[in-house]
Amino acid sequence: MLAMSVDPEFFLVPLTPVVGISVAAAFIAAVYVLAVVLPRLKRILNASRAVKNRDDDGELPPVSVVVCSHA
């Protein structure tokens, strides 16, 4: 079996203000997606399922088209 050695210090990130702001921004973005975007997507998906599950023959009513043109 292939043994790999990983330096644990490779994963350490110095805690600078930029890192803190980046982590906070990522957290706020994740909360926004979970609280705002996903419920809206769920409503859209449920509405599209309701349209697909309608019991009709799929035919549209007849339509008259009037085209007016000048020569």
Protein backbone atom coordinates (compact mmCIF):
# COMPACT_ATOMS: atom_id res chain seq x y z
CA MET A 1 0.00 0.00 0.00
CA LEU A 2 1.25 3.45 -0.86
CA ALA A 3 1.92 5.51 2.25
CA MET A 4 1.66 9.24 1.78
CA SER A 5 3.01 11.77 4.18
CA VAL A 6 1.16 15.07 4.49
CA ASP A 7 2.66 17.99 6.33
CA PRO A 8 0.02 19.20 8.82
CA GLU A 9 1.37 22.75 8.65
CA PHE A 10 0.33 22.83 4.99
CA PHE A 11 -3.30 23.26 6.07
CA LEU A 12 -2.65 25.98 8.63
CA VAL A 13 -3.70 29.43 7.48
CA PRO A 14 -2.49 32.46 9.39
CA LEU A 15 -5.44 34.33 10.90
CA THR A 16 -5.17 37.74 9.32
CA PRO A 17 -7.99 40.28 8.98
CA VAL A 18 -8.40 39.35 5.31
CA VAL A 19 -8.93 35.70 6.21
CA GLY A 20 -11.43 36.63 8.90
CA ILE A 21 -13.41 38.88 6.56
CA SER A 22 -13.35 36.21 3.85
CA VAL A 23 -14.64 33.53 6.22
CA ALA A 24 -17.35 35.88 7.50
CA ALA A 25 -18.41 36.75 3.93
CA ALA A 26 -18.57 33.06 2.98
CA PHE A 27 -20.67 32.32 6.07
CA ILE A 28 -23.09 35.18 5.30
CA ALA A 29 -23.36 34.03 1.69
CA ALA A 30 -24.13 30.47 2.81
CA VAL A 31 -26.82 31.67 5.22
CA TYR A 32 -28.33 33.84 2.47
CA VAL A 33 -28.47 30.91 0.07
CA LEU A 34 -30.08 28.66 2.68
CA ALA A 35 -32.56 31.26 3.89
CA VAL A 36 -33.52 33.09 0.69
CA VAL A 37 -32.53 31.30 -2.49
CA LEU A 38 -33.46 27.70 -1.65
CA PRO A 39 -37.04 28.48 -0.55
CA ARG A 40 -37.59 30.43 -3.78
CA LEU A 41 -36.22 27.55 -5.84
CA LYS A 42 -38.47 25.15 -3.96
CA ARG A 43 -41.53 27.28 -4.78
CA ILE A 44 -40.52 27.39 -8.47
CA LEU A 45 -39.99 23.63 -8.62
CA ASN A 46 -43.31 22.92 -6.90
CA ALA A 47 -45.11 25.25 -9.31
CA SER A 48 -43.53 23.58 -12.33
CA ARG A 49 -44.54 20.16 -11.03
CA ALA A 50 -48.11 21.39 -10.63
CA VAL A 51 -48.15 22.53 -14.27
CA LYS A 52 -46.74 19.20 -15.47
CA ASN A 53 -49.33 17.22 -13.51
CA ARG A 54 -52.38 18.94 -15.05
CA ASP A 55 -54.96 16.60 -16.50
CA ASP A 56 -55.54 17.95 -19.98
CA ASP A 57 -55.02 16.58 -23.44
CA GLY A 58 -52.21 19.03 -24.22
CA GLU A 59 -54.06 20.72 -27.07
CA LEU A 60 -54.30 24.48 -27.24
CA PRO A 61 -57.47 26.36 -28.19
CA PRO A 62 -57.74 27.62 -31.77
CA VAL A 63 -56.36 31.09 -32.40
CA SER A 64 -57.08 33.66 -35.13
CA VAL A 65 -54.19 35.76 -36.40
CA VAL A 66 -54.79 39.04 -38.23
CA VAL A 67 -51.81 40.58 -40.03
CA CYS A 68 -52.11 44.18 -41.20
CA SER A 69 -49.61 45.47 -43.74
CA HIS A 70 -49.19 48.48 -46.01
CA ALA A 71 -47.78 48.34 -49.50
